[in-house]
Amino acid sequence: MKVGDKAPDYLGIDQNGKEIYLSSYKGKKVVLYFYPKDNTPGCTAQACNLRDNYTSLQKEGYEVIGVSIDDEKSHQRFIDKNNLPFTLIADSEKKLVQQFGVWGEKKNFGRTYMGVFRTTFIINEEGVIERVIGPKEVKTKEHTAQILK
């Protein structure tokens, strides 16, 4: 998915087993952020930055939705542990990460594996992707500032 594309309406299942649709957020801008894994340092820093600035994001008309391939239980633990006020989608079947093009081969310490590229899509009120903050650009501890600029 890229700037100008219409985002899919069906996003997946959240931490409570509830189906999440983009159309439920009509009239709001959506921060759809993809992250590699619950309870890892970078992902926790990113989620906590969004949590700490959640009110500011909402004042600007944004709603936040996180996505990783972790399951519902893992998401619920991540939410409880970090007091996260937003929805997390459990994309354990990797449908959404593949649809958005954020699943692929990664390298870390000489090891090659498949994983999620940390990427944020800003979706406007009509469900169209307005901006993409790519894997090399995302600053986990300053993510809200990146979104609001």
N, C-alpha and C. Protein backbone atom coordinates (compact mmCIF):
# COMPACT_ATOMS: atom_id res chain seq x y z
N MET A 1 0.84 -1.18 0.00
CA MET A 1 0.00 0.00 0.00
C MET A 1 0.89 1.24 0.00
N LYS A 2 0.42 2.26 -0.70
CA LYS A 2 1.20 3.50 -0.79
C LYS A 2 0.27 4.71 -0.70
N VAL A 3 0.87 5.89 -0.65
CA VAL A 3 0.10 7.13 -0.57
C VAL A 3 -0.87 7.18 -1.75
N GLY A 4 -2.13 7.53 -1.46
CA GLY A 4 -3.16 7.61 -2.50
C GLY A 4 -4.02 6.37 -2.61
N ASP A 5 -3.55 5.24 -2.06
CA ASP A 5 -4.33 4.00 -2.09
C ASP A 5 -5.45 4.06 -1.05
N LYS A 6 -6.56 3.41 -1.39
CA LYS A 6 -7.66 3.26 -0.43
C LYS A 6 -7.30 2.07 0.47
N ALA A 7 -7.31 2.31 1.77
CA ALA A 7 -6.98 1.23 2.72
C ALA A 7 -8.15 0.26 2.79
N PRO A 8 -7.87 -1.02 3.07
CA PRO A 8 -8.96 -2.00 3.19
C PRO A 8 -9.86 -1.67 4.38
N ASP A 9 -11.14 -1.97 4.26
CA ASP A 9 -12.07 -1.69 5.35
C ASP A 9 -11.85 -2.66 6.51
N TYR A 10 -11.75 -3.96 6.20
CA TYR A 10 -11.58 -4.95 7.27
C TYR A 10 -10.11 -5.00 7.68
N LEU A 11 -9.85 -4.72 8.96
CA LEU A 11 -8.47 -4.70 9.44
C LEU A 11 -8.09 -5.97 10.19
N GLY A 12 -9.04 -6.61 10.86
CA GLY A 12 -8.71 -7.84 11.58
C GLY A 12 -9.37 -7.91 12.94
N ILE A 13 -8.82 -8.76 13.80
CA ILE A 13 -9.37 -9.04 15.13
C ILE A 13 -8.50 -8.34 16.18
N ASP A 14 -9.16 -7.66 17.12
CA ASP A 14 -8.39 -6.97 18.16
C ASP A 14 -8.11 -7.87 19.36
N GLN A 15 -7.54 -7.28 20.40
CA GLN A 15 -7.14 -8.01 21.60
C GLN A 15 -8.32 -8.66 22.32
N ASN A 16 -9.55 -8.22 22.03
CA ASN A 16 -10.74 -8.79 22.66
C ASN A 16 -11.49 -9.76 21.75
N GLY A 17 -10.92 -10.05 20.59
CA GLY A 17 -11.58 -10.95 19.64
C GLY A 17 -12.64 -10.25 18.80
N LYS A 18 -12.67 -8.92 18.85
CA LYS A 18 -13.67 -8.13 18.11
C LYS A 18 -13.13 -7.77 16.72
N GLU A 19 -14.00 -7.86 15.71
CA GLU A 19 -13.60 -7.49 14.35
C GLU A 19 -13.49 -5.97 14.25
N ILE A 20 -12.41 -5.50 13.64
CA ILE A 20 -12.17 -4.06 13.51
C ILE A 20 -12.25 -3.65 12.04
N TYR A 21 -13.09 -2.65 11.79
CA TYR A 21 -13.28 -2.11 10.44
C TYR A 21 -12.87 -0.64 10.41
N LEU A 22 -12.19 -0.25 9.36
CA LEU A 22 -11.79 1.14 9.18
C LEU A 22 -13.00 2.06 9.12
N SER A 23 -14.09 1.56 8.53
CA SER A 23 -15.32 2.37 8.40
C SER A 23 -15.90 2.76 9.76
N SER A 24 -15.53 2.06 10.82
CA SER A 24 -15.98 2.42 12.17
C SER A 24 -15.34 3.72 12.64
N TYR A 25 -14.27 4.15 11.96
CA TYR A 25 -13.54 5.35 12.34
C TYR A 25 -13.82 6.51 11.38
N LYS A 26 -14.94 6.42 10.66
CA LYS A 26 -15.30 7.46 9.68
C LYS A 26 -15.28 8.84 10.35
N GLY A 27 -14.68 9.80 9.64
CA GLY A 27 -14.60 11.16 10.18
C GLY A 27 -13.35 11.39 11.02
N LYS A 28 -12.56 10.33 11.22
CA LYS A 28 -11.31 10.46 11.97
C LYS A 28 -10.16 10.05 11.07
N LYS A 29 -8.98 10.58 11.39
CA LYS A 29 -7.76 10.14 10.73
C LYS A 29 -7.26 8.96 11.56
N VAL A 30 -6.73 7.95 10.90
CA VAL A 30 -6.27 6.76 11.61
C VAL A 30 -4.76 6.61 11.46
N VAL A 31 -4.10 6.41 12.60
CA VAL A 31 -2.68 6.07 12.63
C VAL A 31 -2.65 4.55 12.73
N LEU A 32 -2.36 3.89 11.61
CA LEU A 32 -2.27 2.43 11.59
C LEU A 32 -0.79 2.09 11.62
N TYR A 33 -0.32 1.66 12.78
CA TYR A 33 1.12 1.41 12.89
C TYR A 33 1.41 -0.07 13.06
N PHE A 34 2.34 -0.55 12.25
CA PHE A 34 2.76 -1.95 12.26
C PHE A 34 4.07 -2.03 13.04
N TYR A 35 4.16 -2.98 13.95
CA TYR A 35 5.36 -3.13 14.76
C TYR A 35 5.70 -4.62 14.86
N PRO A 36 6.98 -4.94 15.08
CA PRO A 36 7.41 -6.35 15.06
C PRO A 36 6.87 -7.25 16.17
N LYS A 37 6.92 -6.82 17.44
CA LYS A 37 6.58 -7.77 18.50
C LYS A 37 6.23 -7.07 19.82
N ASP A 38 5.20 -7.61 20.49
CA ASP A 38 4.81 -7.11 21.81
C ASP A 38 5.96 -7.28 22.81
N ASN A 39 6.03 -6.35 23.75
CA ASN A 39 6.96 -6.44 24.89
C ASN A 39 8.44 -6.53 24.52
N THR A 40 8.83 -5.93 23.41
CA THR A 40 10.26 -5.80 23.08
C THR A 40 10.61 -4.32 23.29
N PRO A 41 11.87 -4.00 23.52
CA PRO A 41 12.23 -2.62 23.88
C PRO A 41 11.74 -1.54 22.89
N GLY A 42 12.02 -1.71 21.60
CA GLY A 42 11.63 -0.71 20.61
C GLY A 42 10.12 -0.59 20.47
N CYS A 43 9.44 -1.72 20.48
CA CYS A 43 7.98 -1.72 20.32
C CYS A 43 7.30 -1.13 21.56
N THR A 44 7.86 -1.39 22.73
CA THR A 44 7.32 -0.83 23.96
C THR A 44 7.54 0.68 23.97
N ALA A 45 8.72 1.14 23.57
CA ALA A 45 9.02 2.58 23.52
C ALA A 45 8.04 3.28 22.57
N GLN A 46 7.79 2.68 21.43
CA GLN A 46 6.87 3.27 20.44
C GLN A 46 5.45 3.32 21.00
N ALA A 47 4.97 2.22 21.55
CA ALA A 47 3.62 2.16 22.09
C ALA A 47 3.44 3.15 23.24
N CYS A 48 4.45 3.26 24.10
CA CYS A 48 4.36 4.17 25.25
C CYS A 48 4.42 5.63 24.80
N ASN A 49 5.17 5.93 23.74
CA ASN A 49 5.18 7.29 23.20
C ASN A 49 3.79 7.65 22.68
N LEU A 50 3.16 6.73 21.99
CA LEU A 50 1.80 6.97 21.48
C LEU A 50 0.81 7.08 22.65
N ARG A 51 0.99 6.25 23.67
CA ARG A 51 0.12 6.31 24.85
C ARG A 51 0.26 7.66 25.56
N ASP A 52 1.50 8.09 25.78
CA ASP A 52 1.75 9.33 26.51
C ASP A 52 1.21 10.56 25.78
N ASN A 53 1.06 10.46 24.48
CA ASN A 53 0.59 11.59 23.66
C ASN A 53 -0.77 11.34 23.04
N TYR A 54 -1.46 10.32 23.54
CA TYR A 54 -2.75 9.90 22.97
C TYR A 54 -3.78 11.03 22.95
N THR A 55 -3.85 11.80 24.02
CA THR A 55 -4.80 12.91 24.11
C THR A 55 -4.51 13.95 23.02
N SER A 56 -3.23 14.27 22.82
CA SER A 56 -2.84 15.22 21.77
C SER A 56 -3.24 14.70 20.38
N LEU A 57 -3.02 13.42 20.16
CA LEU A 57 -3.39 12.81 18.87
C LEU A 57 -4.90 12.89 18.67
N GLN A 58 -5.67 12.57 19.72
CA GLN A 58 -7.12 12.62 19.60
C GLN A 58 -7.62 14.04 19.36
N LYS A 59 -6.99 15.03 20.00
CA LYS A 59 -7.37 16.44 19.80
C LYS A 59 -7.19 16.85 18.34
N GLU A 60 -6.20 16.23 17.67
CA GLU A 60 -5.94 16.53 16.25
C GLU A 60 -6.79 15.65 15.32
N GLY A 61 -7.68 14.84 15.90
CA GLY A 61 -8.59 14.03 15.10
C GLY A 61 -8.09 12.65 14.73
N TYR A 62 -7.02 12.19 15.39
CA TYR A 62 -6.45 10.88 15.09
C TYR A 62 -6.95 9.80 16.03
N GLU A 63 -7.07 8.59 15.50
CA GLU A 63 -7.29 7.40 16.31
C GLU A 63 -6.10 6.49 16.02
N VAL A 64 -5.62 5.77 17.03
CA VAL A 64 -4.43 4.93 16.90
C VAL A 64 -4.83 3.45 16.91
N ILE A 65 -4.27 2.70 15.96
CA ILE A 65 -4.47 1.25 15.92
C ILE A 65 -3.11 0.62 15.65
N GLY A 66 -2.69 -0.28 16.54
CA GLY A 66 -1.43 -0.99 16.36
C GLY A 66 -1.67 -2.36 15.77
N VAL A 67 -0.69 -2.86 15.01
CA VAL A 67 -0.81 -4.19 14.39
C VAL A 67 0.52 -4.93 14.52
N SER A 68 0.44 -6.16 15.00
CA SER A 68 1.59 -7.06 14.93
C SER A 68 1.04 -8.47 14.72
N ILE A 69 1.94 -9.41 14.53
CA ILE A 69 1.49 -10.78 14.27
C ILE A 69 1.31 -11.58 15.57
N ASP A 70 1.48 -10.90 16.72
CA ASP A 70 1.22 -11.56 18.00
C ASP A 70 -0.27 -11.86 18.13
N ASP A 71 -0.61 -12.83 19.00
CA ASP A 71 -2.01 -13.20 19.17
C ASP A 71 -2.74 -12.28 20.16
N GLU A 72 -4.03 -12.50 20.31
CA GLU A 72 -4.89 -11.67 21.16
C GLU A 72 -4.41 -11.64 22.61
N LYS A 73 -4.02 -12.80 23.14
CA LYS A 73 -3.57 -12.88 24.54
C LYS A 73 -2.31 -12.05 24.76
N SER A 74 -1.37 -12.15 23.83
CA SER A 74 -0.13 -11.38 23.91
C SER A 74 -0.45 -9.89 23.88
N HIS A 75 -1.35 -9.49 22.99
CA HIS A 75 -1.76 -8.08 22.89
C HIS A 75 -2.39 -7.60 24.20
N GLN A 76 -3.25 -8.44 24.78
CA GLN A 76 -3.92 -8.03 26.02
C GLN A 76 -2.90 -7.84 27.15
N ARG A 77 -1.91 -8.73 27.21
CA ARG A 77 -0.85 -8.59 28.23
C ARG A 77 -0.05 -7.30 27.99
N PHE A 78 0.26 -7.02 26.72
CA PHE A 78 1.01 -5.81 26.34
C PHE A 78 0.23 -4.55 26.73
N ILE A 79 -1.07 -4.57 26.47
CA ILE A 79 -1.95 -3.45 26.81
C ILE A 79 -2.01 -3.27 28.33
N ASP A 80 -2.23 -4.37 29.05
CA ASP A 80 -2.33 -4.31 30.51
C ASP A 80 -1.03 -3.83 31.15
N LYS A 81 0.08 -4.38 30.70
CA LYS A 81 1.39 -4.06 31.27
C LYS A 81 1.74 -2.58 31.06
N ASN A 82 1.38 -2.03 29.90
CA ASN A 82 1.78 -0.66 29.55
C ASN A 82 0.64 0.34 29.57
N ASN A 83 -0.54 -0.11 30.02
CA ASN A 83 -1.71 0.78 30.13
C ASN A 83 -2.00 1.49 28.80
N LEU A 84 -2.06 0.71 27.73
CA LEU A 84 -2.28 1.28 26.39
C LEU A 84 -3.76 1.56 26.17
N PRO A 85 -4.11 2.77 25.72
CA PRO A 85 -5.52 3.15 25.55
C PRO A 85 -6.09 2.86 24.16
N PHE A 86 -5.31 2.22 23.29
CA PHE A 86 -5.77 2.01 21.92
C PHE A 86 -5.83 0.54 21.54
N THR A 87 -6.46 0.27 20.43
CA THR A 87 -6.68 -1.07 19.91
C THR A 87 -5.40 -1.66 19.31
N LEU A 88 -5.20 -2.95 19.53
CA LEU A 88 -4.11 -3.68 18.87
C LEU A 88 -4.73 -4.84 18.08
N ILE A 89 -4.37 -4.94 16.82
CA ILE A 89 -4.88 -6.01 15.97
C ILE A 89 -3.92 -7.19 15.97
N ALA A 90 -4.49 -8.37 16.19
CA ALA A 90 -3.73 -9.62 16.20
C ALA A 90 -3.75 -10.20 14.79
N ASP A 91 -2.71 -9.93 14.04
CA ASP A 91 -2.63 -10.38 12.64
C ASP A 91 -1.81 -11.66 12.55
N SER A 92 -2.17 -12.65 13.37
CA SER A 92 -1.37 -13.88 13.44
C SER A 92 -1.37 -14.68 12.14
N GLU A 93 -2.36 -14.45 11.29
CA GLU A 93 -2.37 -15.14 9.99
C GLU A 93 -1.62 -14.35 8.92
N LYS A 94 -1.09 -13.18 9.33
CA LYS A 94 -0.23 -12.33 8.47
C LYS A 94 -0.95 -11.78 7.24
N LYS A 95 -2.27 -11.66 7.30
CA LYS A 95 -3.03 -11.15 6.14
C LYS A 95 -2.81 -9.65 5.95
N LEU A 96 -2.94 -8.89 7.05
CA LEU A 96 -2.83 -7.43 6.96
C LEU A 96 -1.39 -6.98 6.67
N VAL A 97 -0.42 -7.63 7.32
CA VAL A 97 0.98 -7.23 7.09
C VAL A 97 1.37 -7.48 5.63
N GLN A 98 0.83 -8.54 5.04
CA GLN A 98 1.13 -8.82 3.63
C GLN A 98 0.38 -7.85 2.73
N GLN A 99 -0.87 -7.55 3.07
CA GLN A 99 -1.68 -6.62 2.27
C GLN A 99 -1.03 -5.24 2.22
N PHE A 100 -0.45 -4.81 3.35
CA PHE A 100 0.18 -3.49 3.42
C PHE A 100 1.64 -3.52 2.99
N GLY A 101 2.18 -4.71 2.70
CA GLY A 101 3.56 -4.81 2.21
C GLY A 101 4.62 -4.58 3.27
N VAL A 102 4.29 -4.91 4.52
CA VAL A 102 5.25 -4.68 5.60
C VAL A 102 5.81 -5.99 6.18
N TRP A 103 5.62 -7.08 5.47
CA TRP A 103 6.13 -8.39 5.88
C TRP A 103 7.20 -8.79 4.88
N GLY A 104 8.38 -9.16 5.38
CA GLY A 104 9.43 -9.56 4.46
C GLY A 104 10.68 -10.02 5.17
N GLU A 105 11.72 -10.20 4.35
CA GLU A 105 12.99 -10.70 4.87
C GLU A 105 13.74 -9.59 5.59
N LYS A 106 14.19 -9.91 6.80
CA LYS A 106 14.95 -8.96 7.61
C LYS A 106 16.28 -9.60 7.98
N LYS A 107 17.24 -8.73 8.29
CA LYS A 107 18.54 -9.23 8.75
C LYS A 107 18.86 -8.55 10.08
N ASN A 108 19.37 -9.36 11.00
CA ASN A 108 19.76 -8.84 12.30
C ASN A 108 20.95 -9.65 12.81
N PHE A 109 22.04 -8.99 13.10
CA PHE A 109 23.26 -9.66 13.57
C PHE A 109 23.64 -10.83 12.67
N GLY A 110 23.57 -10.60 11.35
CA GLY A 110 23.96 -11.62 10.38
C GLY A 110 22.94 -12.73 10.16
N ARG A 111 21.83 -12.67 10.89
CA ARG A 111 20.78 -13.69 10.78
C ARG A 111 19.69 -13.17 9.85
N THR A 112 19.19 -14.00 8.97
CA THR A 112 18.10 -13.62 8.07
C THR A 112 16.83 -14.34 8.51
N TYR A 113 15.73 -13.59 8.57
CA TYR A 113 14.46 -14.17 9.00
C TYR A 113 13.31 -13.33 8.42
N MET A 114 12.10 -13.85 8.50
CA MET A 114 10.93 -13.12 8.04
C MET A 114 10.35 -12.34 9.22
N GLY A 115 9.92 -11.10 8.95
CA GLY A 115 9.37 -10.30 10.04
C GLY A 115 8.62 -9.09 9.54
N VAL A 116 8.11 -8.31 10.50
CA VAL A 116 7.33 -7.10 10.21
C VAL A 116 8.27 -5.90 10.16
N PHE A 117 8.15 -5.10 9.10
CA PHE A 117 8.89 -3.85 9.00
C PHE A 117 8.09 -2.79 9.75
N ARG A 118 8.72 -2.14 10.72
CA ARG A 118 8.06 -1.10 11.51
C ARG A 118 7.67 0.05 10.58
N THR A 119 6.38 0.19 10.34
CA THR A 119 5.88 1.17 9.37
C THR A 119 4.56 1.75 9.87
N THR A 120 4.35 3.04 9.63
CA THR A 120 3.11 3.69 10.04
C THR A 120 2.42 4.29 8.84
N PHE A 121 1.12 4.01 8.73
CA PHE A 121 0.29 4.56 7.66
C PHE A 121 -0.68 5.56 8.28
N ILE A 122 -0.69 6.77 7.75
CA ILE A 122 -1.65 7.78 8.19
C ILE A 122 -2.79 7.75 7.16
N ILE A 123 -3.98 7.41 7.63
CA ILE A 123 -5.13 7.24 6.75
C ILE A 123 -6.12 8.38 7.02
N ASN A 124 -6.55 9.06 5.96
CA ASN A 124 -7.44 10.21 6.15
C ASN A 124 -8.88 9.78 6.43
N GLU A 125 -9.75 10.77 6.62
CA GLU A 125 -11.14 10.54 7.00
C GLU A 125 -11.92 9.73 5.96
N GLU A 126 -11.44 9.72 4.72
CA GLU A 126 -12.11 8.96 3.66
C GLU A 126 -11.51 7.57 3.46
N GLY A 127 -10.56 7.19 4.30
CA GLY A 127 -9.97 5.86 4.20
C GLY A 127 -8.84 5.76 3.19
N VAL A 128 -8.28 6.91 2.78
CA VAL A 128 -7.19 6.93 1.81
C VAL A 128 -5.87 7.18 2.55
N ILE A 129 -4.83 6.44 2.14
CA ILE A 129 -3.52 6.61 2.77
C ILE A 129 -2.95 7.97 2.36
N GLU A 130 -2.69 8.78 3.38
CA GLU A 130 -2.22 10.15 3.18
C GLU A 130 -0.70 10.25 3.30
N ARG A 131 -0.15 9.40 4.16
CA ARG A 131 1.29 9.47 4.44
C ARG A 131 1.78 8.12 4.93
N VAL A 132 3.04 7.81 4.62
CA VAL A 132 3.65 6.57 5.11
C VAL A 132 4.97 6.95 5.77
N ILE A 133 5.15 6.50 7.01
CA ILE A 133 6.43 6.68 7.70
C ILE A 133 7.09 5.31 7.67
N GLY A 134 8.12 5.19 6.86
CA GLY A 134 8.74 3.90 6.58
C GLY A 134 9.67 3.40 7.66
N PRO A 135 10.11 2.14 7.50
CA PRO A 135 10.94 1.47 8.51
C PRO A 135 12.22 2.23 8.87
N LYS A 136 12.84 2.88 7.90
CA LYS A 136 14.08 3.59 8.18
C LYS A 136 13.83 4.96 8.82
N GLU A 137 12.58 5.42 8.80
CA GLU A 137 12.24 6.74 9.31
C GLU A 137 11.65 6.74 10.72
N VAL A 138 10.96 5.67 11.10
CA VAL A 138 10.26 5.65 12.39
C VAL A 138 11.24 5.81 13.55
N LYS A 139 10.95 6.79 14.39
CA LYS A 139 11.72 6.99 15.63
C LYS A 139 10.78 6.60 16.77
N THR A 140 11.06 5.46 17.40
CA THR A 140 10.13 4.89 18.38
C THR A 140 9.83 5.83 19.55
N LYS A 141 10.83 6.57 20.02
CA LYS A 141 10.64 7.43 21.20
C LYS A 141 10.08 8.80 20.84
N GLU A 142 9.98 9.11 19.54
CA GLU A 142 9.47 10.41 19.10
C GLU A 142 8.39 10.25 18.04
N HIS A 143 7.70 9.12 18.09
CA HIS A 143 6.78 8.79 17.01
C HIS A 143 5.61 9.74 16.89
N THR A 144 5.05 10.19 18.00
CA THR A 144 3.92 11.12 17.94
C THR A 144 4.31 12.40 17.23
N ALA A 145 5.49 12.93 17.54
CA ALA A 145 5.96 14.17 16.88
C ALA A 145 6.06 13.95 15.37
N GLN A 146 6.50 12.76 14.96
CA GLN A 146 6.59 12.45 13.53
C GLN A 146 5.20 12.47 12.89
N ILE A 147 4.22 11.94 13.59
CA ILE A 147 2.85 11.86 13.07
C ILE A 147 2.24 13.25 12.96
N LEU A 148 2.44 14.07 13.98
CA LEU A 148 1.81 15.38 14.04
C LEU A 148 2.48 16.46 13.18
N LYS A 149 3.69 16.18 12.69
CA LYS A 149 4.37 17.24 11.92
C LYS A 149 3.75 17.44 10.55
